[in-house]
Amino acid sequence: MRRLSIPRGTWALIRYRPGHFLLSVLGTTFYISTQLVPGWVEKLFFDQLTGAAEVGRSLSGILLLLLIVELMRAIVDIVAQWAEAYVREEGGSLLRANVVRNILQKPGAEPLPVPVGDAINRLDDDIADFADFPTWIPYLTGTFVFTLLAVYILFTIAPLITAVAVLPLAGVMLLNRFAFRRFLRYNQRARETASSVTAFLGEIFGAVQAVKVAGAEGGVLRHFQKLNEERRVANVRNAVFFALFQSATHNMGDIAVAIMVLLAGFQIAAGTFTVGDFALFSTYLFYVAQFPAHVGSYLSEIAQERVVLERTQELQPHAAPETLVQHRPLQPEIELVAPQPAPTDRLQRLELRNLTCRFDGEGGIEGINLVLEGGSFTVITGQVGAGKTTLLRALLGLLSLEEGQILWNGIIVEDPATWFVPPRAAYTPQVPRLFSQPLRDNILMGLPEQQVDLPSALEAAVLTPDVARLEAGLDTIVGPRGVRLSGGQIQRSAAARMLVRRPSLLVFDDISSALDVETEQRLWHNLLATQDGASHRPTLLVVAHRAETLRRADRVVVLEKGRLVD
């Protein structure tokens, strides 16, 4: 699988907000490099105070100059920090928007490649890390410019002492060759264990009832403690190794500073080094000696970002790597309107030719040939595992086809996933999903209510009496996954969601599983009596098992081991 490289991804984030990034670079570089000025002012101050040199300025003038410079640096730093935050937050928003878009574009019946809790962890922490990565560049640029100028100034005063300052940088480079692979391994393990904990938490919160019914609280907590212990060990190992690396790089700089101070003391005693020179060296060396440590931190950050990119791209295995950083507006203009069917959207004839969709190992469907006439009621039945749900999902593009063609009114459907949507088709699975929002919003799903016939959809879905009994009617918050509704109410709410969009093809996957016989028959009666236009009624393709529904159907299709047997 191709991967997005760190340089390419970083460059894409920089180009997304180039003005703010450039402002951050210039501001941070100015702020850090102008640390040269206080050191030089200190040299002037002590040279003037000790009489070692004639500065030509009063002490008050020197202090005023220092005050002005520091005020300018503070203002520039505020602007640079604002620009840096803009680059970081906009980049993170872009990455998250692209990942979510790519996830929504995958075949709908294929699960996420990682647990939901893990996916949320990656969208939050991992993407935040990579979005922050470009903001290292302004800081490194500033420290590099400062170090370059400081070393030049120091070298003109005392070449031997200055030469000692560059030794830690070489040491950091050698140390990083040893540490880089361990950074990768430890950081990968730390992130994996953290993801395991969040993934398991997500599963626990979604299955509290199952845990309590099984009396499995102790086992769940024991496994949760095991995952937490693995995370603790991995995080401690990663943090300790990083701390040791940081300590080594910082100590290299500190040792260099100590040597340079000793050398400076010898030169002061020899009369070749002034107190002002010493003040200048003391100010500059503190920052120059830290530059190797900053380089070391950046190199360790590169190792972490390699892990971050791999984990983020695992969320979107179907998408090209470059789509992770594809530029797009963060607030696109989305006009929500009720779908208006074109003449070709009205189903007259649907043909399935040699439809084949296999799973790894066994299962799936093979060689399905089926014709549905417009306005007909077709029921698919068969034993558990016969391939009924797979057939519906393959038809709708929720699973990828291996072979076969689908023709809508004689037109070959190239991409079922984008074709079988309202107003052409709508689908209710065995377990419909509702959001913890008002029932009205769960049915409309963003459609303007004034553009649709919501009361008729509720009536057709046999939901009107239920809505009247709810405490707040359509404004009742249904809770996570609709927990405040019964199974039958959830399925009929999903049916109303379909009907409000006026599709030509209605696909139901075993909706009778949570409905009593009378309610189910009323639902089929309402749907078959629905007139959309002068003479058009929707086409029904339904998975069902009840004898009453089979008798009502125009055609019954029997599946056995993924093949038609009728």
Protein backbone atom coordinates (compact mmCIF):
# COMPACT_ATOMS: atom_id res chain seq x y z
CA MET A 1 0.00 0.00 0.00
CA ARG A 2 1.35 3.43 -0.96
CA ARG A 3 2.00 5.85 1.89
CA LEU A 4 2.04 9.61 2.04
CA SER A 5 5.57 10.78 2.83
CA ILE A 6 6.27 13.21 5.66
CA PRO A 7 7.81 15.91 3.40
CA ARG A 8 4.94 15.74 0.93
CA GLY A 9 2.29 15.85 3.64
CA THR A 10 4.02 18.71 5.46
CA TRP A 11 4.40 20.73 2.24
CA ALA A 12 0.69 20.26 1.49
CA LEU A 13 -0.26 21.63 4.92
CA ILE A 14 2.10 24.58 4.44
CA ARG A 15 0.56 25.40 1.05
CA TYR A 16 -2.94 25.22 2.51
CA ARG A 17 -2.33 28.41 4.50
CA PRO A 18 0.88 29.81 2.98
CA GLY A 19 0.35 33.40 4.12
CA HIS A 20 -0.07 32.48 7.76
CA PHE A 21 2.83 30.03 7.59
CA LEU A 22 5.12 32.67 6.08
CA LEU A 23 4.03 35.17 8.74
CA SER A 24 4.82 32.57 11.39
CA VAL A 25 8.28 31.91 9.92
CA LEU A 26 9.16 35.60 9.61
CA GLY A 27 7.75 36.49 13.04
CA THR A 28 9.36 33.59 14.87
CA THR A 29 12.68 34.12 13.09
CA PHE A 30 12.64 37.81 14.03
CA TYR A 31 11.68 37.04 17.63
CA ILE A 32 14.40 34.41 18.16
CA SER A 33 17.18 36.02 16.13
CA THR A 34 16.73 39.37 17.84
CA GLN A 35 17.80 37.67 21.06
CA LEU A 36 21.16 38.76 19.70
CA VAL A 37 20.35 42.37 20.63
CA PRO A 38 20.04 41.96 24.43
CA GLY A 39 23.37 40.17 24.52
CA TRP A 40 25.03 42.91 22.51
CA VAL A 41 23.43 45.58 24.71
CA GLU A 42 24.80 43.80 27.78
CA LYS A 43 28.26 43.88 26.24
CA LEU A 44 27.92 47.62 25.63
CA PHE A 45 26.65 48.14 29.18
CA PHE A 46 29.54 46.33 30.87
CA ASP A 47 32.17 47.79 28.56
CA GLN A 48 30.82 51.26 29.37
CA LEU A 49 30.61 50.43 33.08
CA THR A 50 34.15 49.00 33.35
CA GLY A 51 35.71 51.50 30.97
CA ALA A 52 37.00 48.68 28.78
CA ALA A 53 35.72 50.48 25.68
CA GLU A 54 34.18 53.81 24.78
CA VAL A 55 30.67 53.03 23.66
CA GLY A 56 29.54 56.56 22.87
CA ARG A 57 26.14 56.08 24.53
CA SER A 58 24.89 56.77 28.04
CA LEU A 59 23.80 53.92 30.28
CA SER A 60 20.23 55.21 30.21
CA GLY A 61 20.31 55.26 26.39
CA ILE A 62 21.51 51.66 26.33
CA LEU A 63 18.73 50.57 28.70
CA LEU A 64 16.14 52.45 26.62
CA LEU A 65 17.36 50.66 23.50
CA LEU A 66 16.96 47.33 25.31
CA LEU A 67 13.41 48.23 26.38
CA ILE A 68 12.38 49.19 22.83
CA VAL A 69 13.82 46.01 21.36
CA GLU A 70 12.07 43.79 23.92
CA LEU A 71 8.75 45.55 23.33
CA MET A 72 9.06 44.97 19.57
CA ARG A 73 9.94 41.32 20.15
CA ALA A 74 6.89 40.82 22.38
CA ILE A 75 4.53 42.28 19.75
CA VAL A 76 6.05 40.24 16.94
CA ASP A 77 5.91 37.07 19.06
CA ILE A 78 2.17 37.52 19.65
CA VAL A 79 1.55 37.86 15.90
CA ALA A 80 3.75 34.86 15.14
CA GLN A 81 1.99 32.70 17.74
CA TRP A 82 -1.40 33.67 16.28
CA ALA A 83 -0.27 32.73 12.76
CA GLU A 84 1.22 29.47 14.02
CA ALA A 85 -2.01 28.54 15.80
CA TYR A 86 -3.96 29.30 12.62
CA VAL A 87 -1.72 26.99 10.58
CA ARG A 88 -2.01 24.23 13.20
CA GLU A 89 -5.78 24.36 13.67
CA GLU A 90 -6.65 24.83 10.01
CA GLY A 91 -4.36 21.96 9.05
CA GLY A 92 -5.91 19.69 11.67
CA SER A 93 -9.42 20.57 10.49
CA LEU A 94 -8.43 19.83 6.87
CA LEU A 95 -6.97 16.44 7.77
CA ARG A 96 -10.01 15.42 9.80
CA ALA A 97 -12.42 16.59 7.10
CA ASN A 98 -10.55 14.58 4.47
CA VAL A 99 -10.42 11.42 6.59
CA VAL A 100 -14.14 11.58 7.39
CA ARG A 101 -14.96 12.26 3.72
CA ASN A 102 -12.88 9.26 2.62
CA ILE A 103 -14.50 7.02 5.24
CA LEU A 104 -17.97 8.04 4.02
CA GLN A 105 -16.98 7.24 0.42
CA LYS A 106 -16.00 3.64 1.13
CA PRO A 107 -18.53 0.84 0.48
CA GLY A 108 -21.15 1.40 3.17
CA ALA A 109 -21.41 -2.20 4.39
CA GLU A 110 -17.68 -2.57 4.94
CA PRO A 111 -16.76 -1.86 8.56
CA LEU A 112 -14.13 0.59 9.73
CA PRO A 113 -10.65 -0.96 9.61
CA VAL A 114 -10.24 -0.18 13.33
CA PRO A 115 -12.70 -0.02 16.26
CA VAL A 116 -14.70 3.19 16.60
CA GLY A 117 -12.96 4.25 19.82
CA ASP A 118 -9.57 3.76 18.18
CA ALA A 119 -10.69 5.76 15.13
CA ILE A 120 -11.76 8.67 17.34
CA ASN A 121 -8.41 8.53 19.15
CA ARG A 122 -6.55 8.71 15.83
CA LEU A 123 -8.72 11.54 14.54
CA ASP A 124 -8.02 13.47 17.74
CA ASP A 125 -4.47 12.83 18.93
CA ASP A 126 -2.65 11.52 15.84
CA ILE A 127 -3.96 14.17 13.48
CA ALA A 128 -3.29 16.90 16.05
CA ASP A 129 0.34 15.75 16.14
CA PHE A 130 0.80 15.88 12.39
CA ALA A 131 -1.02 19.21 12.07
CA ASP A 132 1.43 20.64 14.61
CA PHE A 133 4.48 19.29 12.76
CA PRO A 134 4.82 22.20 10.24
CA THR A 135 5.02 24.65 13.17
CA TRP A 136 8.43 23.19 14.04
CA ILE A 137 9.85 24.81 10.93
CA PRO A 138 9.49 28.47 12.05
CA TYR A 139 11.09 27.66 15.40
CA LEU A 140 13.99 25.75 13.85
CA THR A 141 14.46 28.48 11.26
CA GLY A 142 14.64 31.12 13.97
CA THR A 143 17.06 29.14 16.14
CA PHE A 144 19.22 28.34 13.10
CA VAL A 145 19.45 32.01 12.08
CA PHE A 146 20.25 33.02 15.65
CA THR A 147 22.89 30.30 16.00
CA LEU A 148 24.49 31.17 12.67
CA LEU A 149 24.75 34.89 13.48
CA ALA A 150 25.76 34.26 17.10
CA VAL A 151 28.51 31.84 16.11
CA TYR A 152 29.85 34.36 13.57
CA ILE A 153 29.89 37.17 16.16
CA LEU A 154 31.48 34.94 18.79
CA PHE A 155 34.03 33.63 16.29
CA THR A 156 35.21 37.17 15.52
CA ILE A 157 35.85 37.66 19.26
CA ALA A 158 37.23 34.26 20.31
CA PRO A 159 37.58 31.56 17.59
CA LEU A 160 38.79 28.78 19.91
CA ILE A 161 35.95 29.16 22.38
CA THR A 162 33.40 29.31 19.57
CA ALA A 163 34.70 26.11 17.96
CA VAL A 164 33.66 24.19 21.07
CA ALA A 165 30.02 25.24 20.47
CA VAL A 166 29.65 23.14 17.32
CA LEU A 167 30.77 19.87 18.92
CA PRO A 168 27.37 19.02 20.52
CA LEU A 169 25.64 19.18 17.13
CA ALA A 170 27.86 16.43 15.77
CA GLY A 171 27.17 14.41 18.91
CA VAL A 172 23.40 14.77 18.44
CA MET A 173 23.62 13.49 14.86
CA LEU A 174 25.52 10.40 15.97
CA LEU A 175 23.13 9.80 18.86
CA ASN A 176 20.10 10.08 16.58
CA ARG A 177 21.42 7.31 14.31
CA PHE A 178 21.28 5.03 17.32
CA ALA A 179 17.93 6.29 18.65
CA PHE A 180 15.76 6.76 15.54
CA ARG A 181 14.53 3.16 15.15
CA ARG A 182 13.81 2.91 18.84
CA PHE A 183 11.78 6.11 18.66
CA LEU A 184 9.71 4.50 15.91
CA ARG A 185 9.20 1.26 17.82
CA TYR A 186 8.42 2.78 21.21
CA ASN A 187 6.12 5.46 19.82
CA GLN A 188 4.26 2.92 17.68
CA ARG A 189 3.70 0.68 20.69
CA ALA A 190 2.60 3.59 22.91
CA ARG A 191 0.02 4.71 20.36
CA GLU A 192 -1.22 1.17 19.73
CA THR A 193 -1.82 0.51 23.42
CA ALA A 194 -3.57 3.87 23.85
CA SER A 195 -5.81 3.03 20.90
CA SER A 196 -6.61 -0.38 22.42
CA VAL A 197 -7.84 1.30 25.59
CA THR A 198 -10.05 3.84 23.78
CA ALA A 199 -11.36 1.17 21.40
CA PHE A 200 -12.37 -1.08 24.30
CA LEU A 201 -13.99 1.85 26.10
CA GLY A 202 -16.08 2.53 23.01
CA GLU A 203 -17.19 -1.10 22.92
CA ILE A 204 -18.05 -1.08 26.64
CA PHE A 205 -20.18 2.06 26.35
CA GLY A 206 -22.04 0.54 23.40
CA ALA A 207 -22.67 -2.78 25.14
CA VAL A 208 -23.42 -1.94 28.78
CA GLN A 209 -26.68 -3.88 28.66
CA ALA A 210 -25.01 -7.00 27.25
CA VAL A 211 -22.30 -6.84 29.93
CA LYS A 212 -24.81 -6.54 32.79
CA VAL A 213 -27.14 -9.22 31.45
CA ALA A 214 -24.20 -11.63 31.21
CA GLY A 215 -22.92 -10.65 34.66
CA ALA A 216 -19.56 -9.98 33.05
CA GLU A 217 -18.62 -6.77 34.86
CA GLY A 218 -15.66 -8.41 36.59
CA GLY A 219 -14.27 -9.89 33.38
CA VAL A 220 -14.68 -6.61 31.52
CA LEU A 221 -12.91 -4.65 34.27
CA ARG A 222 -10.12 -7.22 34.43
CA HIS A 223 -9.52 -6.94 30.68
CA PHE A 224 -9.70 -3.15 30.90
CA GLN A 225 -7.05 -3.18 33.65
CA LYS A 226 -4.85 -5.42 31.49
CA LEU A 227 -5.09 -2.98 28.57
CA ASN A 228 -4.35 -0.04 30.87
CA GLU A 229 -1.28 -1.81 32.26
CA GLU A 230 0.02 -2.46 28.74
CA ARG A 231 -0.52 1.20 27.92
CA ARG A 232 1.28 2.29 31.10
CA VAL A 233 4.31 0.14 30.35
CA ALA A 234 4.50 1.30 26.73
CA ASN A 235 4.09 4.98 27.65
CA VAL A 236 6.68 4.78 30.42
CA ARG A 237 9.18 3.10 28.11
CA ASN A 238 8.54 5.69 25.39
CA ALA A 239 8.71 8.62 27.82
CA VAL A 240 11.87 7.37 29.56
CA PHE A 241 13.69 6.80 26.28
CA PHE A 242 12.67 10.24 25.04
CA ALA A 243 13.73 11.82 28.35
CA LEU A 244 17.11 10.06 28.18
CA PHE A 245 17.61 11.29 24.62
CA GLN A 246 16.63 14.82 25.60
CA SER A 247 18.89 14.68 28.66
CA ALA A 248 21.84 13.51 26.58
CA THR A 249 21.40 16.24 23.97
CA HIS A 250 20.92 18.96 26.59
CA ASN A 251 23.88 17.78 28.65
CA MET A 252 26.09 17.88 25.59
CA GLY A 253 25.25 21.57 25.31
CA ASP A 254 25.76 22.17 29.02
CA ILE A 255 29.16 20.49 28.97
CA ALA A 256 30.13 22.63 25.99
CA VAL A 257 29.01 25.76 27.87
CA ALA A 258 31.10 24.76 30.90
CA ILE A 259 34.20 24.26 28.75
CA MET A 260 33.63 27.57 26.99
CA VAL A 261 33.22 29.40 30.31
CA LEU A 262 36.51 27.94 31.56
CA LEU A 263 38.26 28.99 28.38
CA ALA A 264 36.74 32.46 28.69
CA GLY A 265 38.01 32.72 32.27
CA PHE A 266 41.54 31.95 31.13
CA GLN A 267 41.33 34.66 28.46
CA ILE A 268 39.97 37.22 30.93
CA ALA A 269 42.90 36.47 33.20
CA ALA A 270 45.23 36.94 30.24
CA GLY A 271 43.63 40.32 29.51
CA THR A 272 42.40 39.35 26.03
CA PHE A 273 38.75 39.07 27.04
CA THR A 274 36.63 41.86 28.53
CA VAL A 275 33.77 41.58 31.00
CA GLY A 276 31.51 42.78 28.18
CA ASP A 277 32.77 39.94 25.97
CA PHE A 278 32.03 37.48 28.79
CA ALA A 279 28.50 38.86 29.19
CA LEU A 280 27.98 38.52 25.45
CA PHE A 281 29.25 34.94 25.43
CA SER A 282 27.19 34.02 28.48
CA THR A 283 24.01 35.27 26.77
CA TYR A 284 24.67 33.72 23.37
CA LEU A 285 26.10 30.41 24.52
CA PHE A 286 22.97 29.50 26.46
CA TYR A 287 20.93 29.56 23.24
CA VAL A 288 23.66 28.30 20.90
CA ALA A 289 24.28 25.28 23.10
CA GLN A 290 20.55 24.44 23.01
CA PHE A 291 20.40 24.34 19.20
CA PRO A 292 21.67 20.73 18.99
CA ALA A 293 18.98 19.73 21.49
CA HIS A 294 16.33 21.37 19.30
CA VAL A 295 17.66 19.49 16.28
CA GLY A 296 17.54 16.26 18.27
CA SER A 297 13.93 16.92 19.29
CA TYR A 298 12.99 17.57 15.67
CA LEU A 299 14.61 14.33 14.54
CA SER A 300 12.70 12.40 17.21
CA GLU A 301 9.52 14.19 16.09
CA ILE A 302 10.08 12.95 12.54
CA ALA A 303 10.08 9.39 13.86
CA GLN A 304 6.79 10.01 15.64
CA GLU A 305 5.18 11.59 12.59
CA ARG A 306 6.03 8.56 10.47
CA VAL A 307 4.00 6.47 12.91
CA VAL A 308 1.20 9.06 12.94
CA LEU A 309 0.89 9.10 9.14
CA GLU A 310 0.73 5.32 8.92
CA ARG A 311 -1.96 5.13 11.60
CA THR A 312 -4.01 7.90 10.01
CA GLN A 313 -3.91 6.35 6.55
CA GLU A 314 -5.06 3.04 8.00
CA LEU A 315 -8.42 4.76 8.61
CA GLN A 316 -8.92 5.23 4.84
CA PRO A 317 -7.47 2.15 3.08
CA HIS A 318 -9.75 2.66 0.06
CA ALA A 319 -8.57 6.22 -0.59
CA ALA A 320 -5.43 7.40 -2.34
CA PRO A 321 -2.78 8.63 0.16
CA GLU A 322 -2.71 12.14 -1.31
CA THR A 323 -6.40 12.65 -0.48
CA LEU A 324 -5.40 12.91 3.18
CA VAL A 325 -4.00 16.41 2.50
CA GLN A 326 -6.19 17.37 -0.45
CA HIS A 327 -7.07 21.07 -0.27
CA ARG A 328 -10.74 21.93 0.06
CA PRO A 329 -12.86 24.61 1.76
CA LEU A 330 -13.47 23.83 5.42
CA GLN A 331 -16.94 25.37 5.26
CA PRO A 332 -18.29 24.45 1.81
CA GLU A 333 -21.60 25.85 0.68
CA ILE A 334 -24.00 22.90 0.96
CA GLU A 335 -27.53 23.54 -0.19
CA LEU A 336 -29.94 21.07 1.39
CA VAL A 337 -32.92 20.47 -0.87
CA ALA A 338 -35.40 17.64 -1.17
CA PRO A 339 -34.41 15.28 -4.01
CA GLN A 340 -36.39 15.96 -7.16
CA PRO A 341 -36.67 12.91 -9.42
CA ALA A 342 -35.91 13.20 -13.11
CA PRO A 343 -37.94 11.14 -15.61
CA THR A 344 -35.12 8.56 -15.84
CA ASP A 345 -35.17 8.14 -12.05
CA ARG A 346 -38.59 6.46 -12.17
CA LEU A 347 -37.96 2.74 -12.16
CA GLN A 348 -39.58 0.87 -15.04
CA ARG A 349 -37.35 -2.18 -15.06
CA LEU A 350 -34.38 -3.29 -12.93
CA GLU A 351 -32.14 -6.10 -14.18
CA LEU A 352 -29.46 -7.95 -12.23
CA ARG A 353 -27.14 -9.93 -14.51
CA ASN A 354 -24.74 -12.52 -13.07
CA LEU A 355 -24.28 -10.56 -9.83
CA THR A 356 -21.37 -12.04 -7.85
CA CYS A 357 -19.98 -10.88 -4.52
CA ARG A 358 -17.81 -13.27 -2.50
CA PHE A 359 -16.27 -12.92 0.93
CA ASP A 360 -12.89 -14.19 2.09
CA GLY A 361 -13.21 -17.91 2.52
CA GLU A 362 -16.87 -18.82 2.06
CA GLY A 363 -20.14 -16.97 1.68
CA GLY A 364 -21.56 -14.29 -0.55
CA ILE A 365 -23.67 -14.56 -3.70
CA GLU A 366 -22.86 -15.93 -7.12
CA GLY A 367 -24.47 -15.66 -10.55
CA ILE A 368 -27.64 -13.85 -9.47
CA ASN A 369 -29.98 -13.03 -12.38
CA LEU A 370 -33.15 -11.18 -11.44
CA VAL A 371 -35.63 -8.79 -13.05
CA LEU A 372 -37.88 -6.37 -11.15
CA GLU A 373 -40.69 -4.60 -12.96
CA GLY A 374 -41.64 -1.10 -11.87
CA GLY A 375 -44.32 -1.02 -9.16
CA SER A 376 -43.87 -4.71 -8.27
CA PHE A 377 -43.50 -6.26 -4.83
CA THR A 378 -40.65 -8.80 -4.76
CA VAL A 379 -39.79 -10.79 -1.63
CA ILE A 380 -36.43 -12.52 -1.11
CA THR A 381 -36.47 -15.39 1.37
CA GLY A 382 -34.26 -18.26 2.42
CA GLN A 383 -32.46 -19.76 5.39
CA VAL A 384 -30.04 -17.87 7.62
CA GLY A 385 -26.77 -17.37 5.77
CA ALA A 386 -28.31 -17.88 2.34
CA GLY A 387 -27.00 -14.50 1.12
CA LYS A 388 -30.14 -12.35 1.30
CA THR A 389 -28.54 -9.34 2.98
CA THR A 390 -25.46 -9.69 0.81
CA LEU A 391 -27.61 -9.52 -2.32
CA LEU A 392 -29.25 -6.30 -1.18
CA ARG A 393 -25.96 -4.71 -0.19
CA ALA A 394 -24.25 -5.72 -3.42
CA LEU A 395 -27.13 -4.28 -5.44
CA LEU A 396 -26.96 -0.98 -3.56
CA GLY A 397 -23.17 -0.67 -3.82
CA LEU A 398 -22.63 -1.17 -0.09
CA LEU A 399 -20.41 -4.14 -0.99
CA SER A 400 -18.06 -4.29 -3.96
CA LEU A 401 -19.11 -6.50 -6.87
CA GLU A 402 -16.69 -9.00 -8.33
CA GLU A 403 -18.76 -9.68 -11.44
CA GLY A 404 -22.07 -8.78 -13.00
CA GLN A 405 -24.07 -5.85 -14.28
CA ILE A 406 -27.01 -3.84 -12.98
CA LEU A 407 -29.33 -2.12 -15.46
CA TRP A 408 -31.80 0.60 -14.47
CA ASN A 409 -34.36 1.12 -17.24
CA GLY A 410 -31.86 -0.44 -19.63
CA ILE A 411 -29.00 1.85 -18.51
CA ILE A 412 -25.91 0.13 -17.11
CA VAL A 413 -25.23 1.34 -13.57
CA GLU A 414 -21.48 1.99 -13.38
CA ASP A 415 -21.35 2.97 -9.70
CA PRO A 416 -24.22 1.48 -7.66
CA ALA A 417 -23.14 3.32 -4.50
CA THR A 418 -23.87 6.73 -6.06
CA TRP A 419 -26.81 5.55 -8.17
CA PHE A 420 -29.00 3.77 -5.61
CA VAL A 421 -29.71 6.83 -3.47
CA PRO A 422 -32.80 9.07 -3.25
CA PRO A 423 -34.76 9.84 -5.30
CA ARG A 424 -33.99 6.60 -7.16
CA ALA A 425 -33.74 4.23 -4.19
CA ALA A 426 -33.70 4.07 -0.40
CA TYR A 427 -32.77 1.31 2.02
CA THR A 428 -33.60 0.21 5.56
CA PRO A 429 -31.23 -2.44 7.01
CA GLN A 430 -32.06 -5.05 9.61
CA VAL A 431 -30.78 -2.79 12.39
CA PRO A 432 -31.42 0.84 11.43
CA ARG A 433 -29.27 3.53 13.04
CA LEU A 434 -30.75 6.56 14.76
CA PHE A 435 -28.85 9.47 16.27
CA SER A 436 -29.29 10.97 19.72
CA GLN A 437 -31.32 13.82 18.23
CA PRO A 438 -35.02 14.67 17.96
CA LEU A 439 -37.07 12.13 16.03
CA ARG A 440 -37.88 14.83 13.47
CA ASP A 441 -34.17 15.31 12.67
CA ASN A 442 -33.63 11.56 12.47
CA ILE A 443 -36.28 11.34 9.76
CA LEU A 444 -35.43 14.48 7.81
CA MET A 445 -31.63 14.04 8.06
CA GLY A 446 -31.02 17.63 7.00
CA LEU A 447 -33.86 18.05 4.49
CA PRO A 448 -35.87 21.29 4.84
CA GLU A 449 -39.21 20.26 6.34
CA GLN A 450 -41.15 22.74 4.20
CA GLN A 451 -39.95 20.94 1.05
CA VAL A 452 -41.21 17.48 1.98
CA ASP A 453 -44.48 15.86 3.05
CA LEU A 454 -43.53 14.65 6.52
CA PRO A 455 -47.07 13.83 7.73
CA SER A 456 -47.69 11.55 4.73
CA ALA A 457 -44.39 9.75 5.32
CA LEU A 458 -45.28 9.18 8.97
CA GLU A 459 -48.73 7.90 8.03
CA ALA A 460 -47.37 5.53 5.39
CA ALA A 461 -44.78 4.18 7.86
CA VAL A 462 -47.57 3.51 10.43
CA LEU A 463 -45.78 5.88 12.82
CA THR A 464 -48.38 8.59 13.38
CA PRO A 465 -50.03 6.97 16.46
CA ASP A 466 -46.60 6.37 18.04
CA VAL A 467 -45.54 9.99 17.53
CA ALA A 468 -48.74 11.15 19.24
CA ARG A 469 -47.84 9.09 22.33
CA LEU A 470 -44.29 10.44 22.63
CA GLU A 471 -43.81 13.09 25.32
CA ALA A 472 -42.60 15.74 22.88
CA GLY A 473 -43.90 14.27 19.64
CA LEU A 474 -41.44 14.65 16.79
CA ASP A 475 -39.21 16.77 19.00
CA THR A 476 -38.56 13.86 21.39
CA ILE A 477 -34.84 13.10 21.80
CA VAL A 478 -34.60 9.41 20.94
CA GLY A 479 -31.27 8.82 22.72
CA PRO A 480 -28.13 7.04 21.43
CA ARG A 481 -29.12 4.60 18.67
CA GLY A 482 -32.77 5.31 19.46
CA VAL A 483 -32.75 3.59 22.85
CA ARG A 484 -35.90 5.46 23.94
CA LEU A 485 -37.88 3.79 21.13
CA SER A 486 -38.93 0.20 20.68
CA GLY A 487 -37.39 -1.95 17.98
CA GLY A 488 -40.51 -1.61 15.84
CA GLN A 489 -40.58 2.16 16.26
CA ILE A 490 -36.93 2.37 15.21
CA GLN A 491 -37.62 0.37 12.05
CA ARG A 492 -40.70 2.40 11.15
CA SER A 493 -38.78 5.64 11.80
CA ALA A 494 -36.19 4.41 9.31
CA ALA A 495 -39.02 3.61 6.89
CA ALA A 496 -40.35 7.17 7.29
CA ARG A 497 -36.83 8.42 6.59
CA MET A 498 -37.00 6.55 3.28
CA LEU A 499 -40.50 7.63 2.35
CA VAL A 500 -39.99 11.34 3.00
CA ARG A 501 -37.46 11.26 0.14
CA ARG A 502 -40.01 9.76 -2.29
CA PRO A 503 -37.75 7.07 -3.80
CA SER A 504 -38.82 4.93 -6.71
CA LEU A 505 -37.25 1.74 -5.29
CA LEU A 506 -37.78 0.80 -1.62
CA VAL A 507 -35.41 -1.86 -0.25
CA PHE A 508 -36.17 -3.41 3.16
CA ASP A 509 -33.99 -6.01 4.88
CA ASP A 510 -36.24 -8.08 7.16
CA ILE A 511 -38.20 -5.18 8.64
CA SER A 512 -40.72 -7.67 10.03
CA SER A 513 -38.24 -8.85 12.68
CA ALA A 514 -39.48 -6.19 15.14
CA LEU A 515 -43.05 -5.69 13.88
CA ASP A 516 -46.17 -7.56 14.81
CA VAL A 517 -48.10 -9.16 11.96
CA GLU A 518 -50.86 -6.54 11.91
CA THR A 519 -48.47 -3.57 11.80
CA GLU A 520 -46.36 -5.17 9.09
CA GLN A 521 -49.38 -5.81 6.89
CA ARG A 522 -50.60 -2.23 7.36
CA LEU A 523 -47.13 -1.03 6.31
CA TRP A 524 -47.17 -3.09 3.10
CA HIS A 525 -50.72 -1.95 2.39
CA ASN A 526 -49.74 1.71 2.78
CA LEU A 527 -46.62 1.36 0.63
CA LEU A 528 -48.39 -0.49 -2.16
CA ALA A 529 -51.20 2.07 -2.11
CA THR A 530 -48.79 5.01 -2.31
CA GLN A 531 -49.25 6.96 -5.52
CA ASP A 532 -46.40 9.23 -6.54
CA GLY A 533 -47.62 11.23 -9.47
CA ALA A 534 -50.43 10.17 -11.73
CA SER A 535 -49.90 6.43 -11.89
CA HIS A 536 -46.59 5.55 -10.29
CA ARG A 537 -46.18 3.54 -7.15
CA PRO A 538 -42.81 2.53 -5.65
CA THR A 539 -41.14 -0.78 -6.41
CA LEU A 540 -40.54 -2.93 -3.33
CA LEU A 541 -37.62 -5.33 -2.89
CA VAL A 542 -37.95 -6.95 0.53
CA VAL A 543 -36.31 -9.66 2.61
CA ALA A 544 -39.12 -11.33 4.56
CA HIS A 545 -40.21 -14.71 5.94
CA ARG A 546 -43.82 -14.40 7.15
CA ALA A 547 -46.42 -16.28 5.18
CA GLU A 548 -48.75 -13.26 5.00
CA THR A 549 -46.04 -11.17 3.37
CA LEU A 550 -45.09 -13.96 0.94
CA ARG A 551 -48.74 -14.27 -0.14
CA ARG A 552 -49.00 -10.52 -0.75
CA ALA A 553 -45.86 -10.45 -2.95
CA ASP A 554 -45.99 -10.41 -6.75
CA ARG A 555 -42.92 -12.64 -6.79
CA VAL A 556 -41.01 -14.67 -4.21
CA VAL A 557 -37.31 -15.31 -4.76
CA VAL A 558 -35.62 -18.10 -2.78
CA LEU A 559 -31.90 -17.98 -2.07
CA GLU A 560 -29.85 -20.99 -1.02
CA LYS A 561 -26.11 -20.81 -0.42
CA GLY A 562 -25.83 -17.61 -2.41
CA ARG A 563 -27.74 -18.82 -5.48
CA LEU A 564 -31.31 -18.47 -6.73
CA VAL A 565 -33.28 -21.70 -6.53
CA ASP A 566 -36.80 -20.59 -7.57
